[in-house]
């Protein structure tokens, strides 16, 4: 695992230390890693939402759509059995 050193003002270091103790992290590194993972997930979700918004309109998911979907699932289940 690589290391990275960061400098924080006293107020932010106190905040991190408080979060580590209150939220059950073993070290400040665990806390920062969790923040980075969550930010990475947030960015991935944002990109997926933007891609969906930019895509062509899909077929409406109305009653007939779900009826057809149920039929496909039933046929697949019968074929598997």
N, C-alpha and C. Protein backbone atom coordinates (compact mmCIF):
# COMPACT_ATOMS: atom_id res chain seq x y z
N UNK A 1 0.85 -1.16 0.00
CA UNK A 1 0.00 0.00 0.00
C UNK A 1 0.90 1.24 0.00
N UNK A 2 0.56 2.20 -0.82
CA UNK A 2 1.32 3.44 -0.87
C UNK A 2 0.91 4.36 0.26
N UNK A 3 1.78 5.28 0.58
CA UNK A 3 1.45 6.26 1.61
C UNK A 3 1.37 7.64 1.00
N UNK A 4 0.62 8.51 1.67
CA UNK A 4 0.47 9.89 1.24
C UNK A 4 0.36 10.73 2.50
N UNK A 5 1.12 11.77 2.55
CA UNK A 5 1.04 12.68 3.69
C UNK A 5 0.24 13.90 3.29
N UNK A 6 -0.66 14.32 4.18
CA UNK A 6 -1.43 15.52 3.92
C UNK A 6 -1.30 16.47 5.11
N UNK A 7 -1.39 17.74 4.82
CA UNK A 7 -1.34 18.75 5.87
C UNK A 7 -2.73 19.32 6.07
N UNK A 8 -3.15 19.41 7.32
CA UNK A 8 -4.46 19.95 7.65
C UNK A 8 -4.31 21.07 8.66
N UNK A 9 -5.16 22.06 8.55
CA UNK A 9 -5.19 23.05 9.63
C UNK A 9 -5.65 22.37 10.92
N UNK A 10 -5.33 22.96 12.04
CA UNK A 10 -5.67 22.36 13.34
C UNK A 10 -7.15 22.03 13.46
N UNK A 11 -8.01 22.92 12.97
CA UNK A 11 -9.45 22.69 13.09
C UNK A 11 -9.88 21.43 12.32
N UNK A 12 -9.33 21.23 11.13
CA UNK A 12 -9.69 20.03 10.36
C UNK A 12 -9.10 18.78 10.97
N UNK A 13 -7.88 18.86 11.50
CA UNK A 13 -7.30 17.69 12.15
C UNK A 13 -8.13 17.30 13.37
N UNK A 14 -8.58 18.28 14.14
CA UNK A 14 -9.44 17.99 15.29
C UNK A 14 -10.73 17.33 14.85
N UNK A 15 -11.29 17.83 13.75
CA UNK A 15 -12.52 17.23 13.22
C UNK A 15 -12.29 15.78 12.83
N UNK A 16 -11.21 15.51 12.10
CA UNK A 16 -10.90 14.14 11.69
C UNK A 16 -10.71 13.25 12.91
N UNK A 17 -9.94 13.72 13.87
CA UNK A 17 -9.72 12.93 15.10
C UNK A 17 -11.04 12.62 15.80
N UNK A 18 -11.92 13.60 15.84
CA UNK A 18 -13.23 13.42 16.47
C UNK A 18 -14.05 12.37 15.72
N UNK A 19 -14.04 12.44 14.39
CA UNK A 19 -14.78 11.48 13.58
C UNK A 19 -14.23 10.07 13.77
N UNK A 20 -12.93 9.95 13.85
CA UNK A 20 -12.30 8.64 14.05
C UNK A 20 -12.76 8.04 15.36
N UNK A 21 -12.76 8.82 16.41
CA UNK A 21 -13.14 8.26 17.71
C UNK A 21 -14.65 8.03 17.82
N UNK A 22 -15.45 8.92 17.27
CA UNK A 22 -16.90 8.79 17.41
C UNK A 22 -17.50 7.75 16.48
N UNK A 23 -16.89 7.54 15.33
CA UNK A 23 -17.50 6.66 14.33
C UNK A 23 -16.81 5.30 14.23
N UNK A 24 -15.89 5.04 15.13
CA UNK A 24 -15.32 3.69 15.22
C UNK A 24 -14.23 3.36 14.23
N UNK A 25 -13.61 4.34 13.64
CA UNK A 25 -12.48 4.06 12.76
C UNK A 25 -11.25 3.79 13.61
N UNK A 26 -10.37 2.93 13.14
CA UNK A 26 -9.16 2.62 13.87
C UNK A 26 -8.12 3.72 13.76
N UNK A 27 -8.06 4.34 12.60
CA UNK A 27 -7.06 5.39 12.36
C UNK A 27 -7.67 6.47 11.47
N UNK A 28 -6.99 7.58 11.41
CA UNK A 28 -7.43 8.65 10.52
C UNK A 28 -7.31 8.20 9.05
N UNK A 29 -6.37 7.33 8.77
CA UNK A 29 -6.23 6.82 7.40
C UNK A 29 -7.48 6.04 6.97
N UNK A 30 -8.03 5.24 7.88
CA UNK A 30 -9.27 4.51 7.56
C UNK A 30 -10.40 5.47 7.24
N UNK A 31 -10.49 6.54 8.02
CA UNK A 31 -11.53 7.55 7.80
C UNK A 31 -11.37 8.21 6.44
N UNK A 32 -10.16 8.61 6.11
CA UNK A 32 -9.91 9.28 4.83
C UNK A 32 -10.15 8.32 3.67
N UNK A 33 -9.74 7.07 3.81
CA UNK A 33 -10.00 6.08 2.75
C UNK A 33 -11.49 5.93 2.50
N UNK A 34 -12.27 5.89 3.58
CA UNK A 34 -13.73 5.78 3.44
C UNK A 34 -14.31 6.99 2.73
N UNK A 35 -13.83 8.18 3.06
CA UNK A 35 -14.29 9.40 2.38
C UNK A 35 -13.97 9.34 0.88
N UNK A 36 -12.78 8.87 0.56
CA UNK A 36 -12.38 8.79 -0.85
C UNK A 36 -13.23 7.76 -1.58
N UNK A 37 -13.48 6.60 -0.95
CA UNK A 37 -14.34 5.58 -1.59
C UNK A 37 -15.73 6.14 -1.86
N UNK A 38 -16.30 6.84 -0.86
CA UNK A 38 -17.63 7.40 -1.04
C UNK A 38 -17.65 8.45 -2.14
N UNK A 39 -16.62 9.26 -2.22
CA UNK A 39 -16.56 10.27 -3.27
C UNK A 39 -16.43 9.61 -4.64
N UNK A 40 -15.65 8.56 -4.71
CA UNK A 40 -15.49 7.81 -5.96
C UNK A 40 -16.83 7.21 -6.39
N UNK A 41 -17.57 6.62 -5.45
CA UNK A 41 -18.90 6.07 -5.75
C UNK A 41 -19.85 7.17 -6.20
N UNK A 42 -19.79 8.33 -5.53
CA UNK A 42 -20.66 9.46 -5.89
C UNK A 42 -20.37 9.93 -7.32
N UNK A 43 -19.10 10.00 -7.68
CA UNK A 43 -18.74 10.41 -9.03
C UNK A 43 -19.20 9.39 -10.07
N UNK A 44 -19.07 8.11 -9.74
CA UNK A 44 -19.53 7.07 -10.65
C UNK A 44 -21.04 7.17 -10.86
N UNK A 45 -21.78 7.36 -9.79
CA UNK A 45 -23.23 7.51 -9.90
C UNK A 45 -23.58 8.74 -10.71
N UNK A 46 -22.89 9.84 -10.48
CA UNK A 46 -23.14 11.08 -11.23
C UNK A 46 -22.92 10.84 -12.72
N UNK A 47 -21.83 10.15 -13.07
CA UNK A 47 -21.55 9.87 -14.48
C UNK A 47 -22.63 8.98 -15.10
N UNK A 48 -23.11 7.99 -14.34
CA UNK A 48 -24.19 7.13 -14.85
C UNK A 48 -25.47 7.92 -15.06
N UNK A 49 -25.78 8.82 -14.13
CA UNK A 49 -26.98 9.64 -14.27
C UNK A 49 -26.87 10.58 -15.47
N UNK A 50 -25.70 11.17 -15.66
CA UNK A 50 -25.51 12.05 -16.81
C UNK A 50 -25.59 11.27 -18.12
N UNK A 51 -25.02 10.07 -18.14
CA UNK A 51 -25.10 9.24 -19.35
C UNK A 51 -26.55 8.87 -19.63
N UNK A 52 -27.31 8.54 -18.60
CA UNK A 52 -28.72 8.22 -18.78
C UNK A 52 -29.51 9.41 -19.28
N UNK A 53 -29.22 10.58 -18.74
CA UNK A 53 -29.93 11.79 -19.16
C UNK A 53 -29.62 12.14 -20.61
N UNK A 54 -28.42 11.81 -21.06
CA UNK A 54 -28.02 12.13 -22.42
C UNK A 54 -28.44 11.06 -23.43
N UNK A 55 -28.92 9.92 -22.95
CA UNK A 55 -29.27 8.83 -23.86
C UNK A 55 -30.64 9.07 -24.49
N UNK A 56 -30.88 8.30 -25.52
CA UNK A 56 -32.17 8.40 -26.22
C UNK A 56 -33.30 7.94 -25.31
N UNK A 57 -34.47 8.50 -25.51
CA UNK A 57 -35.62 8.07 -24.68
C UNK A 57 -35.88 6.58 -24.86
N UNK A 58 -36.29 5.96 -23.79
CA UNK A 58 -36.59 4.52 -23.81
C UNK A 58 -38.09 4.31 -23.96
N UNK A 59 -38.46 3.08 -24.16
CA UNK A 59 -39.87 2.72 -24.22
C UNK A 59 -40.48 2.95 -22.84
N UNK A 60 -41.66 3.53 -22.78
CA UNK A 60 -42.28 3.75 -21.47
C UNK A 60 -42.49 2.43 -20.72
N UNK A 61 -42.28 2.47 -19.43
CA UNK A 61 -42.49 1.29 -18.59
C UNK A 61 -43.92 1.31 -18.08
N UNK A 62 -44.84 0.95 -18.96
CA UNK A 62 -46.26 0.94 -18.60
C UNK A 62 -46.71 -0.49 -18.31
N UNK A 63 -47.98 -0.69 -18.15
CA UNK A 63 -48.51 -2.02 -17.80
C UNK A 63 -48.14 -3.07 -18.84
N UNK A 64 -48.22 -2.72 -20.12
CA UNK A 64 -47.90 -3.71 -21.16
C UNK A 64 -46.42 -4.09 -21.12
N UNK A 65 -45.56 -3.15 -20.78
CA UNK A 65 -44.13 -3.45 -20.65
C UNK A 65 -43.92 -4.50 -19.56
N UNK A 66 -44.55 -4.29 -18.39
CA UNK A 66 -44.38 -5.24 -17.29
C UNK A 66 -45.05 -6.58 -17.58
N UNK A 67 -46.17 -6.59 -18.30
CA UNK A 67 -46.79 -7.85 -18.70
C UNK A 67 -45.85 -8.65 -19.59
N UNK A 68 -45.23 -7.98 -20.56
CA UNK A 68 -44.28 -8.65 -21.45
C UNK A 68 -43.07 -9.15 -20.68
N UNK A 69 -42.62 -8.37 -19.73
CA UNK A 69 -41.48 -8.78 -18.91
C UNK A 69 -41.82 -10.02 -18.09
N UNK A 70 -43.00 -10.05 -17.50
CA UNK A 70 -43.43 -11.24 -16.74
C UNK A 70 -43.50 -12.47 -17.64
N UNK A 71 -44.04 -12.29 -18.85
CA UNK A 71 -44.12 -13.41 -19.79
C UNK A 71 -42.73 -13.95 -20.13
N UNK A 72 -41.77 -13.05 -20.36
CA UNK A 72 -40.41 -13.48 -20.68
C UNK A 72 -39.80 -14.25 -19.51
N UNK A 73 -40.04 -13.79 -18.29
CA UNK A 73 -39.50 -14.47 -17.11
C UNK A 73 -40.13 -15.84 -16.95
N UNK A 74 -41.44 -15.93 -17.14
CA UNK A 74 -42.12 -17.23 -17.03
C UNK A 74 -41.62 -18.22 -18.09
N UNK A 75 -41.47 -17.72 -19.32
CA UNK A 75 -40.95 -18.61 -20.40
C UNK A 75 -39.55 -19.07 -20.09
N UNK A 76 -38.71 -18.19 -19.58
CA UNK A 76 -37.33 -18.57 -19.25
C UNK A 76 -37.31 -19.59 -18.11
N UNK A 77 -38.23 -19.42 -17.15
CA UNK A 77 -38.29 -20.37 -16.02
C UNK A 77 -38.74 -21.74 -16.50
N UNK A 78 -39.73 -21.75 -17.42
CA UNK A 78 -40.21 -23.03 -17.96
C UNK A 78 -39.13 -23.73 -18.78
N UNK A 79 -38.39 -22.96 -19.55
CA UNK A 79 -37.33 -23.53 -20.38
C UNK A 79 -36.20 -24.09 -19.52
N UNK A 80 -35.97 -23.47 -18.38
CA UNK A 80 -34.92 -23.92 -17.49
C UNK A 80 -35.30 -25.18 -16.74
N UNK A 81 -36.60 -25.35 -16.49
CA UNK A 81 -37.10 -26.49 -15.70
C UNK A 81 -37.14 -27.77 -16.47
